[in-house]
PDB file of N, CA and C in Angstrom:
ATOM      1  N   GLY A   1       0.819  -1.194   0.000  1.00  0.00           N
ATOM      2  CA  GLY A   1       0.000   0.000   0.000  1.00  0.00           C
ATOM      3  C   GLY A   1       0.858   1.251   0.000  1.00  0.00           C
ATOM      4  N   THR A   2       0.211   2.376  -0.107  1.00  0.00           N
ATOM      5  CA  THR A   2       0.941   3.639  -0.091  1.00  0.00           C
ATOM      6  C   THR A   2       1.077   4.142   1.331  1.00  0.00           C
ATOM      7  N   ASP A   3       2.235   4.693   1.627  1.00  0.00           N
ATOM      8  CA  ASP A   3       2.455   5.304   2.930  1.00  0.00           C
ATOM      9  C   ASP A   3       1.773   6.661   2.950  1.00  0.00           C
ATOM     10  N   GLN A   4       1.373   7.067   4.125  1.00  0.00           N
ATOM     11  CA  GLN A   4       0.676   8.333   4.272  1.00  0.00           C
ATOM     12  C   GLN A   4       1.636   9.407   4.775  1.00  0.00           C
ATOM     13  N   PHE A   5       1.850  10.412   3.970  1.00  0.00           N
ATOM     14  CA  PHE A   5       2.640  11.573   4.361  1.00  0.00           C
ATOM     15  C   PHE A   5       1.712  12.771   4.329  1.00  0.00           C
ATOM     16  N   ASP A   6       1.768  13.624   5.346  1.00  0.00           N
ATOM     17  CA  ASP A   6       0.970  14.849   5.327  1.00  0.00           C
ATOM     18  C   ASP A   6       1.624  15.900   4.448  1.00  0.00           C
ATOM     19  N   LEU A   7       2.965  15.890   4.428  1.00  0.00           N
ATOM     20  CA  LEU A   7       3.711  16.931   3.732  1.00  0.00           C
ATOM     21  C   LEU A   7       5.101  16.417   3.383  1.00  0.00           C
ATOM     22  N   ILE A   8       5.572  16.776   2.196  1.00  0.00           N
ATOM     23  CA  ILE A   8       6.949  16.486   1.795  1.00  0.00           C
ATOM     24  C   ILE A   8       7.642  17.823   1.558  1.00  0.00           C
ATOM     25  N   ILE A   9       8.789  18.028   2.215  1.00  0.00           N
ATOM     26  CA  ILE A   9       9.626  19.198   1.950  1.00  0.00           C
ATOM     27  C   ILE A   9      10.837  18.687   1.192  1.00  0.00           C
ATOM     28  N   VAL A  10      11.039  19.207  -0.013  1.00  0.00           N
ATOM     29  CA  VAL A  10      12.095  18.692  -0.885  1.00  0.00           C
ATOM     30  C   VAL A  10      13.046  19.814  -1.296  1.00  0.00           C
ATOM     31  N   GLU A  11      14.333  19.519  -1.275  1.00  0.00           N
ATOM     32  CA  GLU A  11      15.365  20.458  -1.730  1.00  0.00           C
ATOM     33  C   GLU A  11      15.305  20.531  -3.256  1.00  0.00           C
ATOM     34  N   LEU A  12      15.471  21.712  -3.806  1.00  0.00           N
ATOM     35  CA  LEU A  12      15.433  21.877  -5.254  1.00  0.00           C
ATOM     36  C   LEU A  12      16.644  21.242  -5.932  1.00  0.00           C
ATOM     37  N   TYR A  13      17.830  21.483  -5.399  1.00  0.00           N
ATOM     38  CA  TYR A  13      19.052  20.960  -6.018  1.00  0.00           C
ATOM     39  C   TYR A  13      19.593  19.794  -5.199  1.00  0.00           C
ATOM     40  N   MET A  14      19.481  18.585  -5.744  1.00  0.00           N
ATOM     41  CA  MET A  14      19.980  17.372  -5.084  1.00  0.00           C
ATOM     42  C   MET A  14      20.768  16.561  -6.104  1.00  0.00           C
ATOM     43  N   PRO A  15      21.661  15.682  -5.626  1.00  0.00           N
ATOM     44  CA  PRO A  15      22.361  14.805  -6.571  1.00  0.00           C
ATOM     45  C   PRO A  15      21.366  13.827  -7.206  1.00  0.00           C
ATOM     46  N   HIS A  16      21.529  13.561  -8.464  1.00  0.00           N
ATOM     47  CA  HIS A  16      20.773  12.541  -9.206  1.00  0.00           C
ATOM     48  C   HIS A  16      19.341  12.920  -9.577  1.00  0.00           C
ATOM     49  N   ILE A  17      18.698  13.787  -8.819  1.00  0.00           N
ATOM     50  CA  ILE A  17      17.323  14.198  -9.133  1.00  0.00           C
ATOM     51  C   ILE A  17      17.108  15.594  -8.545  1.00  0.00           C
ATOM     52  N   ASN A  18      16.381  16.444  -9.261  1.00  0.00           N
ATOM     53  CA  ASN A  18      16.082  17.755  -8.684  1.00  0.00           C
ATOM     54  C   ASN A  18      14.686  17.728  -8.053  1.00  0.00           C
ATOM     55  N   GLY A  19      14.403  18.738  -7.264  1.00  0.00           N
ATOM     56  CA  GLY A  19      13.135  18.782  -6.551  1.00  0.00           C
ATOM     57  C   GLY A  19      11.916  18.784  -7.453  1.00  0.00           C
ATOM     58  N   LEU A  20      12.035  19.381  -8.644  1.00  0.00           N
ATOM     59  CA  LEU A  20      10.914  19.388  -9.584  1.00  0.00           C
ATOM     60  C   LEU A  20      10.658  17.990 -10.138  1.00  0.00           C
ATOM     61  N   GLU A  21      11.731  17.283 -10.474  1.00  0.00           N
ATOM     62  CA  GLU A  21      11.593  15.912 -10.970  1.00  0.00           C
ATOM     63  C   GLU A  21      10.984  15.021  -9.882  1.00  0.00           C
ATOM     64  N   PHE A  22      11.404  15.244  -8.642  1.00  0.00           N
ATOM     65  CA  PHE A  22      10.831  14.489  -7.529  1.00  0.00           C
ATOM     66  C   PHE A  22       9.336  14.781  -7.395  1.00  0.00           C
ATOM     67  N   ALA A  23       8.972  16.066  -7.464  1.00  0.00           N
ATOM     68  CA  ALA A  23       7.558  16.449  -7.375  1.00  0.00           C
ATOM     69  C   ALA A  23       6.757  15.791  -8.493  1.00  0.00           C
ATOM     70  N   LYS A  24       7.319  15.771  -9.694  1.00  0.00           N
ATOM     71  CA  LYS A  24       6.659  15.112 -10.822  1.00  0.00           C
ATOM     72  C   LYS A  24       6.478  13.622 -10.540  1.00  0.00           C
ATOM     73  N   SER A  25       7.486  12.987  -9.946  1.00  0.00           N
ATOM     74  CA  SER A  25       7.388  11.566  -9.605  1.00  0.00           C
ATOM     75  C   SER A  25       6.257  11.310  -8.609  1.00  0.00           C
ATOM     76  N   VAL A  26       6.104  12.207  -7.649  1.00  0.00           N
ATOM     77  CA  VAL A  26       5.005  12.064  -6.688  1.00  0.00           C
ATOM     78  C   VAL A  26       3.667  12.224  -7.399  1.00  0.00           C
ATOM     79  N   ARG A  27       3.538  13.292  -8.195  1.00  0.00           N
ATOM     80  CA  ARG A  27       2.262  13.578  -8.865  1.00  0.00           C
ATOM     81  C   ARG A  27       1.866  12.502  -9.885  1.00  0.00           C
ATOM     82  N   THR A  28       2.845  11.791 -10.430  1.00  0.00           N
ATOM     83  CA  THR A  28       2.549  10.748 -11.422  1.00  0.00           C
ATOM     84  C   THR A  28       2.565   9.353 -10.791  1.00  0.00           C
ATOM     85  N   ALA A  29       2.449   9.285  -9.474  1.00  0.00           N
ATOM     86  CA  ALA A  29       2.317   8.024  -8.729  1.00  0.00           C
ATOM     87  C   ALA A  29       3.505   7.086  -8.905  1.00  0.00           C
ATOM     88  N   LYS A  30       4.711   7.644  -8.970  1.00  0.00           N
ATOM     89  CA  LYS A  30       5.915   6.822  -9.112  1.00  0.00           C
ATOM     90  C   LYS A  30       6.698   6.725  -7.795  1.00  0.00           C
ATOM     91  N   THR A  31       6.076   7.140  -6.690  1.00  0.00           N
ATOM     92  CA  THR A  31       6.699   7.047  -5.364  1.00  0.00           C
ATOM     93  C   THR A  31       5.704   6.374  -4.419  1.00  0.00           C
ATOM     94  N   LEU A  32       6.111   6.163  -3.187  1.00  0.00           N
ATOM     95  CA  LEU A  32       5.212   5.585  -2.187  1.00  0.00           C
ATOM     96  C   LEU A  32       4.192   6.587  -1.659  1.00  0.00           C
ATOM     97  N   ALA A  33       4.438   7.867  -1.894  1.00  0.00           N
ATOM     98  CA  ALA A  33       3.506   8.901  -1.423  1.00  0.00           C
ATOM     99  C   ALA A  33       2.281   8.960  -2.329  1.00  0.00           C
ATOM    100  N   LYS A  34       1.149   9.365  -1.761  1.00  0.00           N
ATOM    101  CA  LYS A  34      -0.043   9.571  -2.577  1.00  0.00           C
ATOM    102  C   LYS A  34       0.224  10.734  -3.539  1.00  0.00           C
ATOM    103  N   PRO A  35      -0.273  10.667  -4.768  1.00  0.00           N
ATOM    104  CA  PRO A  35      -0.051  11.761  -5.731  1.00  0.00           C
ATOM    105  C   PRO A  35      -0.558  13.123  -5.251  1.00  0.00           C
ATOM    106  N   SER A  36      -1.498  13.129  -4.344  1.00  0.00           N
ATOM    107  CA  SER A  36      -2.051  14.398  -3.840  1.00  0.00           C
ATOM    108  C   SER A  36      -1.318  14.930  -2.607  1.00  0.00           C
ATOM    109  N   THR A  37      -0.200  14.308  -2.230  1.00  0.00           N
ATOM    110  CA  THR A  37       0.545  14.752  -1.045  1.00  0.00           C
ATOM    111  C   THR A  37       1.010  16.198  -1.208  1.00  0.00           C
ATOM    112  N   ARG A  38       0.840  16.987  -0.166  1.00  0.00           N
ATOM    113  CA  ARG A  38       1.295  18.381  -0.187  1.00  0.00           C
ATOM    114  C   ARG A  38       2.819  18.412  -0.253  1.00  0.00           C
ATOM    115  N   MET A  39       3.359  19.384  -1.013  1.00  0.00           N
ATOM    116  CA  MET A  39       4.806  19.500  -1.162  1.00  0.00           C
ATOM    117  C   MET A  39       5.254  20.951  -1.062  1.00  0.00           C
ATOM    118  N   ILE A  40       6.407  21.138  -0.418  1.00  0.00           N
ATOM    119  CA  ILE A  40       7.079  22.433  -0.358  1.00  0.00           C
ATOM    120  C   ILE A  40       8.469  22.241  -0.944  1.00  0.00           C
ATOM    121  N   VAL A  41       8.876  23.152  -1.833  1.00  0.00           N
ATOM    122  CA  VAL A  41      10.219  23.134  -2.412  1.00  0.00           C
ATOM    123  C   VAL A  41      11.081  24.119  -1.633  1.00  0.00           C
ATOM    124  N   MET A  42      12.302  23.690  -1.298  1.00  0.00           N
ATOM    125  CA  MET A  42      13.222  24.508  -0.519  1.00  0.00           C
ATOM    126  C   MET A  42      14.500  24.733  -1.326  1.00  0.00           C
ATOM    127  N   SER A  43      15.002  25.969  -1.351  1.00  0.00           N
ATOM    128  CA  SER A  43      16.245  26.257  -2.063  1.00  0.00           C
ATOM    129  C   SER A  43      16.769  27.638  -1.689  1.00  0.00           C
ATOM    130  N   ALA A  44      18.074  27.825  -1.887  1.00  0.00           N
ATOM    131  CA  ALA A  44      18.668  29.148  -1.699  1.00  0.00           C
ATOM    132  C   ALA A  44      18.354  30.042  -2.895  1.00  0.00           C
ATOM    133  N   LEU A  45      18.184  29.440  -4.059  1.00  0.00           N
ATOM    134  CA  LEU A  45      17.927  30.196  -5.287  1.00  0.00           C
ATOM    135  C   LEU A  45      16.729  29.595  -6.000  1.00  0.00           C
ATOM    136  N   ILE A  46      15.681  30.381  -6.129  1.00  0.00           N
ATOM    137  CA  ILE A  46      14.496  29.907  -6.844  1.00  0.00           C
ATOM    138  C   ILE A  46      14.215  30.882  -7.981  1.00  0.00           C
ATOM    139  N   GLN A  47      14.439  30.415  -9.210  1.00  0.00           N
ATOM    140  CA  GLN A  47      14.236  31.241 -10.400  1.00  0.00           C
ATOM    141  C   GLN A  47      12.758  31.258 -10.786  1.00  0.00           C
ATOM    142  N   ALA A  48      12.350  32.296 -11.503  1.00  0.00           N
ATOM    143  CA  ALA A  48      10.959  32.439 -11.928  1.00  0.00           C
ATOM    144  C   ALA A  48      10.488  31.227 -12.733  1.00  0.00           C
ATOM    145  N   LYS A  49      11.346  30.712 -13.614  1.00  0.00           N
ATOM    146  CA  LYS A  49      10.968  29.551 -14.431  1.00  0.00           C
ATOM    147  C   LYS A  49      10.712  28.329 -13.551  1.00  0.00           C
ATOM    148  N   VAL A  50      11.527  28.173 -12.513  1.00  0.00           N
ATOM    149  CA  VAL A  50      11.360  27.063 -11.569  1.00  0.00           C
ATOM    150  C   VAL A  50      10.022  27.200 -10.840  1.00  0.00           C
ATOM    151  N   VAL A  51       9.688  28.415 -10.420  1.00  0.00           N
ATOM    152  CA  VAL A  51       8.413  28.662  -9.747  1.00  0.00           C
ATOM    153  C   VAL A  51       7.260  28.292 -10.674  1.00  0.00           C
ATOM    154  N   GLY A  52       7.351  28.687 -11.936  1.00  0.00           N
ATOM    155  CA  GLY A  52       6.305  28.362 -12.905  1.00  0.00           C
ATOM    156  C   GLY A  52       6.123  26.865 -13.073  1.00  0.00           C
ATOM    157  N   THR A  53       7.230  26.145 -13.198  1.00  0.00           N
ATOM    158  CA  THR A  53       7.155  24.691 -13.338  1.00  0.00           C
ATOM    159  C   THR A  53       6.576  24.067 -12.072  1.00  0.00           C
ATOM    160  N   ALA A  54       7.012  24.541 -10.924  1.00  0.00           N
ATOM    161  CA  ALA A  54       6.503  24.015  -9.655  1.00  0.00           C
ATOM    162  C   ALA A  54       5.000  24.253  -9.524  1.00  0.00           C
ATOM    163  N   MET A  55       4.539  25.416  -9.963  1.00  0.00           N
ATOM    164  CA  MET A  55       3.106  25.706  -9.922  1.00  0.00           C
ATOM    165  C   MET A  55       2.342  24.760 -10.842  1.00  0.00           C
ATOM    166  N   THR A  56       2.904  24.465 -12.006  1.00  0.00           N
ATOM    167  CA  THR A  56       2.281  23.528 -12.934  1.00  0.00           C
ATOM    168  C   THR A  56       2.185  22.136 -12.313  1.00  0.00           C
ATOM    169  N   LEU A  57       3.163  21.803 -11.467  1.00  0.00           N
ATOM    170  CA  LEU A  57       3.164  20.517 -10.760  1.00  0.00           C
ATOM    171  C   LEU A  57       2.328  20.566  -9.474  1.00  0.00           C
ATOM    172  N   ASN A  58       1.639  21.674  -9.257  1.00  0.00           N
ATOM    173  CA  ASN A  58       0.817  21.869  -8.061  1.00  0.00           C
ATOM    174  C   ASN A  58       1.602  21.717  -6.759  1.00  0.00           C
ATOM    175  N   VAL A  59       2.855  22.230  -6.764  1.00  0.00           N
ATOM    176  CA  VAL A  59       3.617  22.316  -5.518  1.00  0.00           C
ATOM    177  C   VAL A  59       2.919  23.360  -4.652  1.00  0.00           C
ATOM    178  N   ASN A  60       2.864  23.112  -3.352  1.00  0.00           N
ATOM    179  CA  ASN A  60       2.054  23.941  -2.471  1.00  0.00           C
ATOM    180  C   ASN A  60       2.764  25.145  -1.875  1.00  0.00           C
ATOM    181  N   GLY A  61       4.102  25.208  -1.994  1.00  0.00           N
ATOM    182  CA  GLY A  61       4.791  26.359  -1.441  1.00  0.00           C
ATOM    183  C   GLY A  61       6.286  26.290  -1.631  1.00  0.00           C
ATOM    184  N   PHE A  62       6.947  27.389  -1.275  1.00  0.00           N
ATOM    185  CA  PHE A  62       8.397  27.518  -1.397  1.00  0.00           C
ATOM    186  C   PHE A  62       8.967  28.032  -0.089  1.00  0.00           C
ATOM    187  N   ILE A  63      10.160  27.571   0.248  1.00  0.00           N
ATOM    188  CA  ILE A  63      10.911  28.100   1.381  1.00  0.00           C
ATOM    189  C   ILE A  63      12.296  28.442   0.851  1.00  0.00           C
ATOM    190  N   THR A  64      12.718  29.689   1.053  1.00  0.00           N
ATOM    191  CA  THR A  64      14.054  30.080   0.601  1.00  0.00           C
ATOM    192  C   THR A  64      15.041  29.989   1.761  1.00  0.00           C
ATOM    193  N   LYS A  65      16.256  29.584   1.422  1.00  0.00           N
ATOM    194  CA  LYS A  65      17.340  29.480   2.414  1.00  0.00           C
ATOM    195  C   LYS A  65      18.245  30.702   2.284  1.00  0.00           C
ATOM    196  N   PRO A  66      18.880  31.170   3.342  1.00  0.00           N
ATOM    197  CA  PRO A  66      18.717  30.633   4.699  1.00  0.00           C
ATOM    198  C   PRO A  66      17.317  30.936   5.223  1.00  0.00           C
ATOM    199  N   PHE A  67      16.786  30.041   6.014  1.00  0.00           N
ATOM    200  CA  PHE A  67      15.411  30.215   6.457  1.00  0.00           C
ATOM    201  C   PHE A  67      15.323  30.517   7.945  1.00  0.00           C
ATOM    202  N   ILE A  68      14.196  31.087   8.314  1.00  0.00           N
ATOM    203  CA  ILE A  68      13.908  31.435   9.703  1.00  0.00           C
ATOM    204  C   ILE A  68      12.905  30.397  10.213  1.00  0.00           C
ATOM    205  N   PRO A  69      13.238  29.686  11.291  1.00  0.00           N
ATOM    206  CA  PRO A  69      12.358  28.613  11.775  1.00  0.00           C
ATOM    207  C   PRO A  69      10.897  29.023  11.945  1.00  0.00           C
ATOM    208  N   ASP A  70      10.645  30.212  12.453  1.00  0.00           N
ATOM    209  CA  ASP A  70       9.266  30.656  12.656  1.00  0.00           C
ATOM    210  C   ASP A  70       8.517  30.759  11.326  1.00  0.00           C
ATOM    211  N   LEU A  71       9.219  31.208  10.285  1.00  0.00           N
ATOM    212  CA  LEU A  71       8.584  31.313   8.969  1.00  0.00           C
ATOM    213  C   LEU A  71       8.304  29.937   8.382  1.00  0.00           C
ATOM    214  N   ILE A  72       9.188  28.980   8.630  1.00  0.00           N
ATOM    215  CA  ILE A  72       8.941  27.611   8.164  1.00  0.00           C
ATOM    216  C   ILE A  72       7.689  27.064   8.838  1.00  0.00           C
ATOM    217  N   ASP A  73       7.578  27.282  10.141  1.00  0.00           N
ATOM    218  CA  ASP A  73       6.401  26.814  10.875  1.00  0.00           C
ATOM    219  C   ASP A  73       5.122  27.409  10.290  1.00  0.00           C
ATOM    220  N   LYS A  74       5.147  28.714  10.015  1.00  0.00           N
ATOM    221  CA  LYS A  74       3.966  29.375   9.440  1.00  0.00           C
ATOM    222  C   LYS A  74       3.644  28.824   8.053  1.00  0.00           C
ATOM    223  N   LYS A  75       4.670  28.621   7.223  1.00  0.00           N
ATOM    224  CA  LYS A  75       4.469  28.086   5.871  1.00  0.00           C
ATOM    225  C   LYS A  75       3.886  26.675   5.941  1.00  0.00           C
ATOM    226  N   VAL A  76       4.455  25.836   6.807  1.00  0.00           N
ATOM    227  CA  VAL A  76       3.971  24.457   6.948  1.00  0.00           C
ATOM    228  C   VAL A  76       2.513  24.453   7.408  1.00  0.00           C
ATOM    229  N   GLN A  77       2.183  25.256   8.405  1.00  0.00           N
ATOM    230  CA  GLN A  77       0.796  25.316   8.886  1.00  0.00           C
ATOM    231  C   GLN A  77      -0.147  25.787   7.783  1.00  0.00           C
ATOM    232  N   HIS A  78       0.278  26.783   7.013  1.00  0.00           N
ATOM    233  CA  HIS A  78      -0.540  27.283   5.907  1.00  0.00           C
ATOM    234  C   HIS A  78      -0.790  26.179   4.876  1.00  0.00           C
ATOM    235  N   VAL A  79       0.273  25.493   4.477  1.00  0.00           N
ATOM    236  CA  VAL A  79       0.153  24.439   3.463  1.00  0.00           C
ATOM    237  C   VAL A  79      -0.715  23.288   3.974  1.00  0.00           C
ATOM    238  N   LEU A  80      -0.556  22.915   5.236  1.00  0.00           N
ATOM    239  CA  LEU A  80      -1.352  21.810   5.785  1.00  0.00           C
ATOM    240  C   LEU A  80      -2.832  22.153   5.893  1.00  0.00           C
ATOM    241  N   ASN A  81      -3.146  23.439   5.985  1.00  0.00           N
ATOM    242  CA  ASN A  81      -4.542  23.852   6.127  1.00  0.00           C
ATOM    243  C   ASN A  81      -5.233  24.187   4.809  1.00  0.00           C
ATOM    244  N   GLU A  82      -4.463  24.275   3.709  1.00  0.00           N
ATOM    245  CA  GLU A  82      -5.104  24.630   2.445  1.00  0.00           C
ATOM    246  C   GLU A  82      -5.639  23.386   1.740  1.00  0.00           C
ATOM    247  N   VAL A  83      -6.605  23.598   0.877  1.00  0.00           N
ATOM    248  CA  VAL A  83      -7.186  22.512   0.092  1.00  0.00           C
ATOM    249  C   VAL A  83      -6.187  22.103  -0.988  1.00  0.00           C
ATOM    250  N   VAL A  84      -5.967  20.807  -1.120  1.00  0.00           N
ATOM    251  CA  VAL A  84      -5.029  20.299  -2.125  1.00  0.00           C
ATOM    252  C   VAL A  84      -5.768  20.126  -3.445  1.00  0.00           C
ATOM    253  N   LYS A  85      -5.195  20.710  -4.496  1.00  0.00           N
ATOM    254  CA  LYS A  85      -5.768  20.572  -5.838  1.00  0.00           C
ATOM    255  C   LYS A  85      -4.726  19.938  -6.741  1.00  0.00           C
ATOM    256  N   THR A  86      -5.000  18.727  -7.196  1.00  0.00           N
ATOM    257  CA  THR A  86      -4.111  18.066  -8.147  1.00  0.00           C
ATOM    258  C   THR A  86      -4.952  17.497  -9.278  1.00  0.00           C
ATOM    259  N   HIS A  87      -4.274  17.074 -10.326  1.00  0.00           N
ATOM    260  CA  HIS A  87      -4.936  16.527 -11.507  1.00  0.00           C
ATOM    261  C   HIS A  87      -4.583  15.053 -11.655  1.00  0.00           C
ATOM    262  N   ALA A  88      -5.140  14.420 -12.656  1.00  0.00           N
ATOM    263  CA  ALA A  88      -4.775  13.033 -12.958  1.00  0.00           C
ATOM    264  C   ALA A  88      -3.300  12.988 -13.358  1.00  0.00           C
ATOM    265  N   ALA A  89      -2.651  11.860 -13.104  1.00  0.00           N
ATOM    266  CA  ALA A  89      -1.217  11.703 -13.384  1.00  0.00           C
ATOM    267  C   ALA A  89      -0.850  12.104 -14.807  1.00  0.00           C
ATOM    268  N   ILE A  90      -1.692  11.800 -15.766  1.00  0.00           N
ATOM    269  CA  ILE A  90      -1.396  12.094 -17.181  1.00  0.00           C
ATOM    270  C   ILE A  90      -1.155  13.587 -17.402  1.00  0.00           C
ATOM    271  N   ALA A  91      -1.773  14.427 -16.598  1.00  0.00           N
ATOM    272  CA  ALA A  91      -1.606  15.878 -16.747  1.00  0.00           C
ATOM    273  C   ALA A  91      -0.186  16.329 -16.429  1.00  0.00           C
ATOM    274  N   TYR A  92       0.554  15.534 -15.679  1.00  0.00           N
ATOM    275  CA  TYR A  92       1.907  15.905 -15.266  1.00  0.00           C
ATOM    276  C   TYR A  92       2.995  15.224 -16.090  1.00  0.00           C
ATOM    277  N   GLU A  93       2.641  14.216 -16.853  1.00  0.00           N
ATOM    278  CA  GLU A  93       3.628  13.383 -17.547  1.00  0.00           C
ATOM    279  C   GLU A  93       4.570  14.163 -18.466  1.00  0.00           C
ATOM    280  N   THR A  94       4.084  15.160 -19.163  1.00  0.00           N
ATOM    281  CA  THR A  94       4.908  15.853 -20.161  1.00  0.00           C
ATOM    282  C   THR A  94       5.558  17.139 -19.643  1.00  0.00           C
ATOM    283  N   ILE A  95       5.446  17.414 -18.360  1.00  0.00           N
ATOM    284  CA  ILE A  95       6.043  18.632 -17.807  1.00  0.00           C
ATOM    285  C   ILE A  95       7.561  18.495 -17.790  1.00  0.00           C
ATOM    286  N   TYR A  96       8.235  19.487 -18.360  1.00  0.00           N
ATOM    287  CA  TYR A  96       9.702  19.505 -18.449  1.00  0.00           C
ATOM    288  C   TYR A  96      10.265  19.980 -17.119  1.00  0.00           C
ATOM    289  N   THR A  97      11.074  19.146 -16.473  1.00  0.00           N
ATOM    290  CA  THR A  97      11.532  19.458 -15.117  1.00  0.00           C
ATOM    291  C   THR A  97      13.040  19.659 -14.995  1.00  0.00           C
ATOM    292  N   GLU A  98      13.753  19.697 -16.112  1.00  0.00           N
ATOM    293  CA  GLU A  98      15.200  19.928 -16.029  1.00  0.00           C
ATOM    294  C   GLU A  98      15.459  21.377 -15.623  1.00  0.00           C
ATOM    295  N   ILE A  99      16.437  21.577 -14.762  1.00  0.00           N
ATOM    296  CA  ILE A  99      16.790  22.922 -14.294  1.00  0.00           C
ATOM    297  C   ILE A  99      18.127  23.314 -14.904  1.00  0.00           C
ATOM    298  N   GLN A 100      18.147  24.471 -15.546  1.00  0.00           N
ATOM    299  CA  GLN A 100      19.391  24.990 -16.121  1.00  0.00           C
ATOM    300  C   GLN A 100      20.151  25.744 -15.044  1.00  0.00           C
ATOM    301  N   ASN A 101      21.421  25.458 -14.887  1.00  0.00           N
ATOM    302  CA  ASN A 101      22.246  26.216 -13.938  1.00  0.00           C
ATOM    303  C   ASN A 101      22.703  27.505 -14.600  1.00  0.00           C
ATOM    304  N   SER A 102      22.192  28.615 -14.097  1.00  0.00           N
ATOM    305  CA  SER A 102      22.574  29.899 -14.694  1.00  0.00           C
ATOM    306  C   SER A 102      22.971  30.897 -13.642  1.00  0.00           C
TER     307      SER A 102
END
């Protein structure tokens, strides 16, 4: 069965996979998390194009580093209390998730 996660916080830049690709994997049911699991992307640098792609993947929020613990708490509470809106997996299949280092 699928494990139940209330929220996934994922780093944007990771070895082997970026946070957008991970979010796409969740939304297309390729992980143990439910496709509708809430997600927050975390990074020191978040470009406008990345934000657009994340919004297309129905990511629920962003946290920029360095971060302030109180702001993380507020963001997490906000995301946990909002209604989750996602689409069928097919809607996410063709989203381009490669990040250009610029």
